[in-house]
Amino acid sequence: MSRISAIEALEILDSRGNPTVRVMITLENGIRARASVPSGASTGEREAIELRDGDPQRYAGKGVLKAVANVREKIAPELIGLDVYQQVEIDRLMIAMDGTPNKANLGANAILGVSMAVARAAAQNAGLPLYHYLGGPGCRRLPIPCMNIINGGEHADNSVDFQEYMAVPLGAPNFREGLRYVAETFHVLKGLLKKQNMATSVGDEGGFAPNLPSNEAAMDIIIEAIEKAGYRPGEDIAIALDSAASSFVGDQPGLYDLQKSGGGSKSSDEMIALAEEWCKKYPIVLWEDPLSENDWEGFRKFTERLGDKIEVVGDDLFVTNTKYIAQGIREKSANSVLIKLNQIGSVTETIGAVAMCREAGWRYFISHRSGETEDDFLADFAVAMDGGHLKTGSASRSERIAKYNRLLEIEAELGGAATYFWKYDWEK
């Protein structure tokens, strides 16, 4: 009764109003599960391919009818009749059917939609919440919500080069209080921006997108918001950053053009010096993609200088791919990996990337995408993977709030067994 009897797919819209894929799986016993695939705006060049139609007459070429057809006509006939508990084999079969290193034939959006729906159907059939099905009976740690409160870069039309400024409630006693800490800070920040006659419109991930005089001005107003909300910077709430530096890399390797903020051009070494200065001045605990995806030597230097003080996260550098994570481990390019399901394109491969980080003693940072849906798969996945921290947007936009609300449900389900902390003792 746990065998797959039907697989369907639809073209739906993501949070930016662009098409994406939704997959529905039905089992022989009538259980039905669905999953919706997120989509990124700031994407690494080595990411798995998100198959788009390229038809200018539909959605400016961004339609996904080809990916939907691949689910219905190519993937479904091969998987119907298989046991839904065979997650690894099902993912392996789809990857083999595609036959490319980046899922260019079937599309990572087609493969991932099926992979996620399979996991959810299996969990429902087993009578387990998804986090327990994927993580086992011992998973109980809620992630610290690294809440995006100021957007810049590719995620906002403003004067800020760096893509995300996040508030991190390290000092909260549990998830629900941590979420309250940063949600309150978010609302105080809105008041501060209004008082200065700055825009309080939000970017793709729900953070405010004001025009500020500099990248550092964003840090200063966040510190002010934390304090005015009644919290202690660095003790109750720290700061995490995502530069997404590949989005402002210059024409020459190792040269960065901070043109949005008027910050001029900087070399890798100058970017590292800036980071060192900020880490002395501000309570920064994590810095994602401080340099570009091809600046491996710059990443190594950055980690050598700051890796014992903060979490240095590679996103575009590694694209949730064990090939590049292994290279980073060998070259000591970072000490943490951003984990995005749609960067690699299957649940099994994503879990494999997490396992490689664990083996190396690295951290891993579970993440949403800028183009999200109301699907809350990511919340369960974050608990299952026991990474300790998650980014899934701000305290606005329902596609972000859906993940936070699911985590509140999970915490309530776990009751007194739930835990909440930044690092295990052996990581400190």
Protein backbone atom coordinates (compact mmCIF):
# COMPACT_ATOMS: atom_id res chain seq x y z
CA MET A 1 0.00 0.00 0.00
CA SER A 2 3.03 2.32 0.08
CA ARG A 3 3.59 2.16 -3.67
CA ILE A 4 3.21 5.21 -5.91
CA SER A 5 0.07 5.09 -8.05
CA ALA A 6 0.10 8.53 -9.68
CA ILE A 7 2.37 11.56 -10.17
CA GLU A 8 1.00 14.87 -11.44
CA ALA A 9 2.49 18.34 -11.88
CA LEU A 10 1.28 21.92 -12.31
CA GLU A 11 2.77 25.25 -13.27
CA ILE A 12 2.09 27.59 -10.31
CA LEU A 13 3.44 31.00 -9.26
CA ASP A 14 6.15 31.75 -6.71
CA SER A 15 6.39 34.77 -4.40
CA ARG A 16 7.76 36.96 -7.17
CA GLY A 17 4.90 36.06 -9.49
CA ASN A 18 7.10 33.85 -11.65
CA PRO A 19 6.20 30.29 -12.64
CA THR A 20 7.47 27.31 -10.69
CA VAL A 21 6.61 23.62 -10.37
CA ARG A 22 4.20 21.88 -8.01
CA VAL A 23 4.16 18.07 -7.87
CA MET A 24 1.39 15.86 -6.46
CA ILE A 25 1.99 12.20 -5.60
CA THR A 26 -0.73 9.65 -4.82
CA LEU A 27 -0.13 6.29 -3.18
CA GLU A 28 -2.12 3.09 -3.73
CA ASN A 29 -3.83 3.57 -0.37
CA GLY A 30 -5.10 7.02 -1.40
CA ILE A 31 -2.58 9.13 0.53
CA ARG A 32 -1.80 12.27 -1.46
CA ALA A 33 1.08 14.69 -0.93
CA ARG A 34 2.37 17.71 -2.77
CA ALA A 35 5.47 19.88 -2.89
CA SER A 36 6.29 23.22 -4.50
CA VAL A 37 9.74 24.16 -5.74
CA PRO A 38 11.43 27.46 -4.80
CA SER A 39 13.44 29.61 -7.20
CA GLY A 40 16.48 31.84 -6.70
CA ALA A 41 17.29 35.30 -8.08
CA SER A 42 20.90 35.55 -6.95
CA THR A 43 22.10 32.22 -8.31
CA GLY A 44 25.51 30.60 -8.49
CA GLU A 45 26.81 29.72 -11.95
CA ARG A 46 27.37 26.10 -10.88
CA GLU A 47 23.83 25.52 -9.58
CA ALA A 48 21.65 22.75 -10.96
CA ILE A 49 19.61 23.99 -13.92
CA GLU A 50 16.10 25.30 -13.34
CA LEU A 51 14.39 24.37 -16.59
CA ARG A 52 12.50 27.28 -18.17
CA ASP A 53 10.54 27.28 -21.42
CA GLY A 54 12.18 30.26 -23.07
CA ASP A 55 8.92 31.19 -24.81
CA PRO A 56 8.74 35.02 -24.89
CA GLN A 57 4.96 34.84 -25.36
CA ARG A 58 4.48 33.31 -21.89
CA TYR A 59 5.76 34.84 -18.66
CA ALA A 60 8.62 36.56 -20.54
CA GLY A 61 10.18 33.16 -21.23
CA LYS A 62 10.04 32.00 -17.60
CA GLY A 63 7.30 29.40 -17.99
CA VAL A 64 7.93 25.89 -16.69
CA LEU A 65 5.63 23.82 -18.89
CA LYS A 66 8.62 21.80 -20.14
CA ALA A 67 9.53 20.84 -16.57
CA VAL A 68 5.88 19.99 -15.83
CA ALA A 69 5.74 17.82 -18.96
CA ASN A 70 8.94 16.06 -17.91
CA VAL A 71 7.32 15.12 -14.60
CA ARG A 72 4.18 13.84 -16.27
CA GLU A 73 5.61 12.16 -19.36
CA LYS A 74 9.13 11.04 -18.43
CA ILE A 75 9.49 10.76 -14.66
CA ALA A 76 6.04 9.48 -13.71
CA PRO A 77 6.08 6.36 -15.95
CA GLU A 78 9.39 5.29 -14.42
CA LEU A 79 8.39 5.81 -10.80
CA ILE A 80 4.78 4.59 -10.66
CA GLY A 81 4.72 1.27 -8.84
CA LEU A 82 7.83 1.98 -6.76
CA ASP A 83 7.71 1.97 -2.97
CA VAL A 84 7.55 5.56 -1.70
CA TYR A 85 10.03 4.69 1.05
CA GLN A 86 12.78 4.19 -1.55
CA GLN A 87 13.81 7.86 -1.46
CA VAL A 88 17.46 7.25 -2.34
CA GLU A 89 16.64 4.89 -5.21
CA ILE A 90 13.92 7.17 -6.57
CA ASP A 91 16.25 10.17 -6.55
CA ARG A 92 19.03 8.09 -8.11
CA LEU A 93 16.73 6.95 -10.90
CA MET A 94 15.70 10.51 -11.76
CA ILE A 95 19.31 11.70 -11.78
CA ALA A 96 20.28 8.81 -14.05
CA MET A 97 17.33 9.54 -16.36
CA ASP A 98 18.50 13.14 -16.67
CA GLY A 99 22.05 12.07 -17.49
CA THR A 100 23.72 15.48 -17.04
CA PRO A 101 25.85 16.80 -14.17
CA ASN A 102 23.51 19.76 -13.61
CA LYS A 103 20.06 18.27 -14.37
CA ALA A 104 19.79 20.24 -17.59
CA ASN A 105 17.61 17.68 -19.40
CA LEU A 106 14.73 17.07 -16.99
CA GLY A 107 15.32 20.21 -14.94
CA ALA A 108 16.25 20.44 -11.28
CA ASN A 109 12.81 21.96 -10.65
CA ALA A 110 11.11 18.85 -12.05
CA ILE A 111 13.34 16.41 -10.16
CA LEU A 112 13.21 18.29 -6.85
CA GLY A 113 9.43 18.65 -6.95
CA VAL A 114 9.08 14.88 -7.22
CA SER A 115 11.80 14.25 -4.62
CA MET A 116 10.17 16.50 -2.03
CA ALA A 117 6.68 15.12 -2.69
CA VAL A 118 8.00 11.56 -2.30
CA ALA A 119 9.48 12.43 1.11
CA ARG A 120 6.26 14.05 2.25
CA ALA A 121 4.10 11.15 1.02
CA ALA A 122 6.35 8.65 2.78
CA ALA A 123 6.13 10.61 6.04
CA GLN A 124 2.34 10.76 5.80
CA ASN A 125 2.16 7.04 5.06
CA ALA A 126 4.37 6.29 8.06
CA GLY A 127 2.18 8.48 10.28
CA LEU A 128 5.17 10.67 11.14
CA PRO A 129 5.79 14.40 10.93
CA LEU A 130 8.19 15.12 8.08
CA TYR A 131 10.99 16.25 10.42
CA HIS A 132 10.93 12.92 12.28
CA TYR A 133 10.73 10.91 9.06
CA LEU A 134 13.80 12.64 7.59
CA GLY A 135 15.74 13.21 10.82
CA GLY A 136 14.89 10.19 12.94
CA PRO A 137 13.33 9.96 16.41
CA GLY A 138 16.12 11.94 18.08
CA CYS A 139 15.76 15.21 16.18
CA ARG A 140 14.51 17.94 18.48
CA ARG A 141 16.59 21.10 17.96
CA LEU A 142 14.74 24.14 16.65
CA PRO A 143 16.87 26.39 14.45
CA ILE A 144 17.77 29.93 15.46
CA PRO A 145 15.91 32.17 12.97
CA CYS A 146 18.39 34.43 11.18
CA MET A 147 15.77 36.98 10.16
CA ASN A 148 16.41 39.16 7.13
CA ILE A 149 15.53 42.72 8.17
CA ILE A 150 17.32 44.80 5.52
CA ASN A 151 17.51 43.74 1.86
CA GLY A 152 19.96 45.00 -0.73
CA GLY A 153 21.89 43.69 -3.72
CA GLU A 154 19.89 41.61 -6.18
CA HIS A 155 16.93 41.45 -3.82
CA ALA A 156 16.10 45.17 -3.73
CA ASP A 157 16.19 48.29 -5.90
CA ASN A 158 18.06 50.44 -3.43
CA SER A 159 21.52 51.82 -2.62
CA VAL A 160 22.78 48.87 -0.57
CA ASP A 161 25.32 46.50 -2.15
CA PHE A 162 25.13 43.67 0.37
CA GLN A 163 22.13 41.41 -0.11
CA GLU A 164 21.01 40.52 3.42
CA TYR A 165 21.39 41.94 6.88
CA MET A 166 20.00 39.46 9.40
CA ALA A 167 19.09 39.66 13.09
CA VAL A 168 20.12 36.52 15.00
CA PRO A 169 18.42 35.92 18.41
CA LEU A 170 21.24 33.96 20.04
CA GLY A 171 20.25 34.89 23.57
CA ALA A 172 16.65 33.72 23.47
CA PRO A 173 15.64 30.71 25.62
CA ASN A 174 13.64 28.99 22.86
CA PHE A 175 12.47 29.34 19.27
CA ARG A 176 9.21 31.16 19.95
CA GLU A 177 10.99 33.77 22.07
CA GLY A 178 13.78 34.08 19.50
CA LEU A 179 11.20 34.71 16.80
CA ARG A 180 9.58 37.34 19.02
CA TYR A 181 12.94 39.07 19.64
CA VAL A 182 13.65 39.55 15.95
CA ALA A 183 10.05 40.27 14.92
CA GLU A 184 9.92 43.06 17.49
CA THR A 185 13.25 44.40 16.23
CA PHE A 186 11.88 44.32 12.68
CA HIS A 187 8.92 46.50 13.69
CA VAL A 188 11.09 48.93 15.65
CA LEU A 189 13.34 49.21 12.61
CA LYS A 190 10.31 50.16 10.51
CA GLY A 191 9.56 52.99 12.94
CA LEU A 192 13.15 54.24 12.77
CA LEU A 193 13.10 54.24 8.98
CA LYS A 194 9.78 56.12 8.91
CA LYS A 195 11.13 58.69 11.35
CA GLN A 196 14.01 59.36 8.95
CA ASN A 197 11.63 59.58 5.98
CA MET A 198 13.06 56.40 4.44
CA ALA A 199 11.11 53.82 2.48
CA THR A 200 9.57 50.96 4.44
CA SER A 201 8.73 48.91 1.36
CA VAL A 202 10.25 45.44 1.42
CA GLY A 203 12.47 43.41 -0.89
CA ASP A 204 12.05 39.88 -2.26
CA GLU A 205 12.62 38.25 1.13
CA GLY A 206 10.58 40.68 3.20
CA GLY A 207 13.33 42.85 4.66
CA PHE A 208 13.14 46.62 4.35
CA ALA A 209 14.83 48.11 1.30
CA PRO A 210 15.69 51.73 2.14
CA ASN A 211 18.18 53.91 0.31
CA LEU A 212 20.95 54.33 2.86
CA PRO A 213 24.09 56.48 2.61
CA SER A 214 26.37 53.43 2.85
CA ASN A 215 26.48 49.70 3.48
CA GLU A 216 27.69 50.41 7.01
CA ALA A 217 24.72 52.69 7.67
CA ALA A 218 22.55 49.56 7.51
CA MET A 219 24.57 48.08 10.39
CA ASP A 220 24.22 51.23 12.47
CA ILE A 221 20.45 51.47 12.15
CA ILE A 222 20.07 47.74 12.93
CA ILE A 223 22.07 48.19 16.14
CA GLU A 224 19.84 51.15 17.02
CA ALA A 225 16.72 49.04 16.36
CA ILE A 226 17.98 46.17 18.53
CA GLU A 227 18.61 48.55 21.43
CA LYS A 228 15.31 50.44 21.05
CA ALA A 229 13.48 47.09 21.01
CA GLY A 230 14.95 46.47 24.47
CA TYR A 231 17.64 43.95 23.54
CA ARG A 232 21.41 43.84 23.94
CA PRO A 233 23.42 43.70 20.70
CA GLY A 234 25.75 40.72 20.74
CA GLU A 235 24.09 39.10 23.74
CA ASP A 236 20.40 38.86 22.95
CA ILE A 237 20.61 39.54 19.22
CA ALA A 238 23.66 39.32 16.96
CA ILE A 239 24.03 40.10 13.24
CA ALA A 240 24.58 37.88 10.21
CA LEU A 241 25.39 39.11 6.71
CA ASP A 242 25.09 37.83 3.17
CA SER A 243 27.18 39.94 0.81
CA ALA A 244 26.26 37.82 -2.24
CA ALA A 245 29.51 39.24 -3.60
CA SER A 246 29.19 37.49 -6.96
CA SER A 247 26.45 40.01 -7.76
CA PHE A 248 28.85 42.96 -7.60
CA VAL A 249 32.09 41.40 -8.80
CA GLY A 250 33.97 43.64 -11.23
CA ASP A 251 35.24 42.92 -14.73
CA GLN A 252 38.57 41.68 -13.36
CA PRO A 253 38.92 38.65 -11.04
CA GLY A 254 39.24 39.67 -7.42
CA LEU A 255 37.81 43.17 -8.00
CA TYR A 256 34.51 44.22 -6.42
CA ASP A 257 32.41 47.18 -7.55
CA LEU A 258 30.33 48.64 -4.73
CA GLN A 259 28.51 50.91 -7.16
CA LYS A 260 25.02 50.81 -5.60
CA SER A 261 26.28 52.44 -2.42
CA GLY A 262 28.94 54.57 -4.13
CA GLY A 263 31.63 52.64 -2.27
CA GLY A 264 33.95 52.39 -5.26
CA SER A 265 36.00 49.37 -6.30
CA LYS A 266 37.76 47.12 -3.84
CA SER A 267 40.18 44.24 -4.18
CA SER A 268 39.72 40.93 -2.34
CA ASP A 269 42.21 42.06 0.28
CA GLU A 270 40.35 45.33 0.77
CA MET A 271 37.06 43.45 1.16
CA ILE A 272 38.70 41.25 3.79
CA ALA A 273 40.07 44.32 5.59
CA LEU A 274 36.56 45.83 5.58
CA ALA A 275 35.16 42.64 7.08
CA GLU A 276 37.83 42.61 9.80
CA GLU A 277 36.97 46.20 10.68
CA TRP A 278 33.23 45.45 10.84
CA CYS A 279 33.76 42.32 12.95
CA LYS A 280 35.62 44.40 15.52
CA LYS A 281 32.94 47.09 15.54
CA TYR A 282 29.71 45.05 15.30
CA PRO A 283 28.41 41.79 16.88
CA ILE A 284 28.71 39.73 13.67
CA VAL A 285 28.49 35.96 14.08
CA LEU A 286 28.11 34.83 10.46
CA TRP A 287 29.15 36.15 7.04
CA GLU A 288 27.88 34.47 3.88
CA ASP A 289 29.51 34.88 0.46
CA PRO A 290 31.83 37.73 1.49
CA LEU A 291 33.64 37.19 -1.83
CA SER A 292 32.63 35.89 -5.25
CA GLU A 293 32.05 32.29 -6.30
CA ASN A 294 35.30 32.20 -8.29
CA ASP A 295 37.50 33.89 -5.68
CA TRP A 296 38.65 30.68 -3.99
CA GLU A 297 41.93 32.19 -2.84
CA GLY A 298 40.12 35.21 -1.41
CA PHE A 299 37.77 32.90 0.50
CA ARG A 300 40.78 31.01 1.89
CA LYS A 301 42.35 34.25 3.12
CA PHE A 302 39.05 35.46 4.57
CA THR A 303 38.62 32.22 6.51
CA GLU A 304 42.25 32.27 7.66
CA ARG A 305 41.70 35.76 9.09
CA LEU A 306 38.19 35.46 10.51
CA GLY A 307 37.26 31.76 10.59
CA ASP A 308 38.10 31.42 14.28
CA LYS A 309 35.80 34.34 15.13
CA ILE A 310 32.74 33.95 12.89
CA GLU A 311 30.99 31.42 10.70
CA VAL A 312 32.23 31.88 7.12
CA VAL A 313 29.53 30.51 4.82
CA GLY A 314 29.96 29.55 1.18
CA ASP A 315 26.80 29.72 -0.93
CA ASP A 316 27.56 30.42 -4.60
CA LEU A 317 31.00 28.94 -3.91
CA PHE A 318 29.61 25.49 -3.08
CA VAL A 319 26.01 25.43 -4.46
CA THR A 320 25.11 22.54 -2.10
CA ASN A 321 27.26 20.28 -4.28
CA THR A 322 29.58 17.76 -2.61
CA LYS A 323 32.14 18.17 -5.41
CA TYR A 324 32.72 21.82 -4.50
CA ILE A 325 32.23 21.31 -0.77
CA ALA A 326 35.02 18.71 -0.86
CA GLN A 327 37.27 21.21 -2.64
CA GLY A 328 36.47 23.82 -0.03
CA ILE A 329 37.28 21.42 2.80
CA ARG A 330 40.64 20.57 1.20
CA GLU A 331 41.51 24.21 0.60
CA LYS A 332 40.05 25.51 3.90
CA SER A 333 37.96 27.99 1.91
CA ALA A 334 35.24 28.43 4.57
CA ASN A 335 33.93 26.69 7.67
CA SER A 336 30.25 26.42 6.75
CA VAL A 337 28.04 25.71 3.73
CA LEU A 338 24.70 27.24 2.81
CA ILE A 339 22.26 24.42 2.11
CA LYS A 340 19.55 24.99 -0.53
CA LEU A 341 17.46 22.11 -1.81
CA ASN A 342 16.98 23.55 -5.29
CA GLN A 343 20.67 24.33 -5.79
CA ILE A 344 21.41 20.63 -6.13
CA GLY A 345 17.93 19.37 -7.01
CA SER A 346 17.05 16.37 -4.82
CA VAL A 347 16.42 15.57 -1.17
CA THR A 348 18.99 12.77 -1.16
CA GLU A 349 21.80 14.94 -2.54
CA THR A 350 20.97 17.74 -0.12
CA ILE A 351 21.20 15.35 2.82
CA GLY A 352 24.52 14.14 1.37
CA ALA A 353 25.87 17.69 1.40
CA VAL A 354 24.88 18.04 5.07
CA ALA A 355 26.58 14.71 5.87
CA MET A 356 29.82 15.88 4.25
CA CYS A 357 29.79 19.04 6.37
CA ARG A 358 29.28 16.99 9.52
CA GLU A 359 32.14 14.64 8.66
CA ALA A 360 34.48 17.61 8.18
CA GLY A 361 33.39 19.33 11.39
CA TRP A 362 31.90 22.17 9.36
CA ARG A 363 28.62 23.93 10.08
CA TYR A 364 25.77 24.14 7.60
CA PHE A 365 23.16 26.87 7.24
CA ILE A 366 19.75 25.80 5.88
CA SER A 367 18.22 28.37 3.52
CA HIS A 368 15.14 29.34 1.53
CA ARG A 369 15.26 31.09 -1.87
CA SER A 370 14.15 34.58 -2.85
CA GLY A 371 11.36 33.09 -4.96
CA GLU A 372 9.41 31.00 -2.45
CA THR A 373 5.96 29.45 -2.10
CA GLU A 374 3.68 28.76 0.85
CA ASP A 375 5.19 25.24 1.07
CA ASP A 376 6.70 24.75 4.55
CA PHE A 377 8.89 21.72 3.68
CA LEU A 378 11.99 23.76 4.59
CA ALA A 379 10.93 24.16 8.22
CA ASP A 380 10.72 20.40 8.81
CA PHE A 381 13.92 19.89 6.84
CA ALA A 382 15.81 22.37 9.04
CA VAL A 383 14.77 20.52 12.20
CA ALA A 384 15.56 17.14 10.62
CA MET A 385 19.08 18.25 9.66
CA ASP A 386 19.87 19.63 13.16
CA GLY A 387 21.86 22.54 11.76
CA GLY A 388 20.96 24.92 14.55
CA HIS A 389 20.17 27.93 12.36
CA LEU A 390 17.99 28.78 9.40
CA LYS A 391 17.30 31.71 7.12
CA THR A 392 13.85 31.96 5.63
CA GLY A 393 13.20 35.66 5.28
CA SER A 394 11.66 38.42 7.32
CA ALA A 395 8.64 39.05 9.53
CA SER A 396 6.57 39.88 6.47
CA ARG A 397 5.37 38.10 3.30
CA SER A 398 3.28 35.01 3.92
CA GLU A 399 5.60 32.64 2.04
CA ARG A 400 8.23 33.42 4.72
CA ILE A 401 5.84 33.43 7.68
CA ALA A 402 4.58 29.97 6.65
CA LYS A 403 7.97 28.50 7.57
CA TYR A 404 8.15 30.31 10.91
CA ASN A 405 4.62 29.24 11.80
CA ARG A 406 5.43 25.63 10.97
CA LEU A 407 8.46 25.81 13.27
CA LEU A 408 6.22 27.12 16.05
CA GLU A 409 3.99 24.08 15.50
CA ILE A 410 6.99 21.74 15.63
CA GLU A 411 8.22 23.32 18.86
CA ALA A 412 4.77 22.85 20.38
CA GLU A 413 4.67 19.21 19.22
CA LEU A 414 8.07 18.51 20.78
CA GLY A 415 7.09 20.21 24.03
CA GLY A 416 9.71 19.95 26.73
CA ALA A 417 11.95 17.83 24.50
CA ALA A 418 12.62 20.80 22.17
CA THR A 419 16.06 22.41 22.33
CA TYR A 420 17.40 25.70 20.96
CA PHE A 421 21.05 26.73 20.81
CA TRP A 422 23.56 28.13 18.32
CA LYS A 423 26.33 25.50 18.60
CA TYR A 424 27.02 22.21 20.28
CA ASP A 425 29.64 22.45 23.03
CA TRP A 426 32.21 20.63 20.89
CA GLU A 427 31.80 23.27 18.15
CA LYS A 428 32.55 26.20 20.47
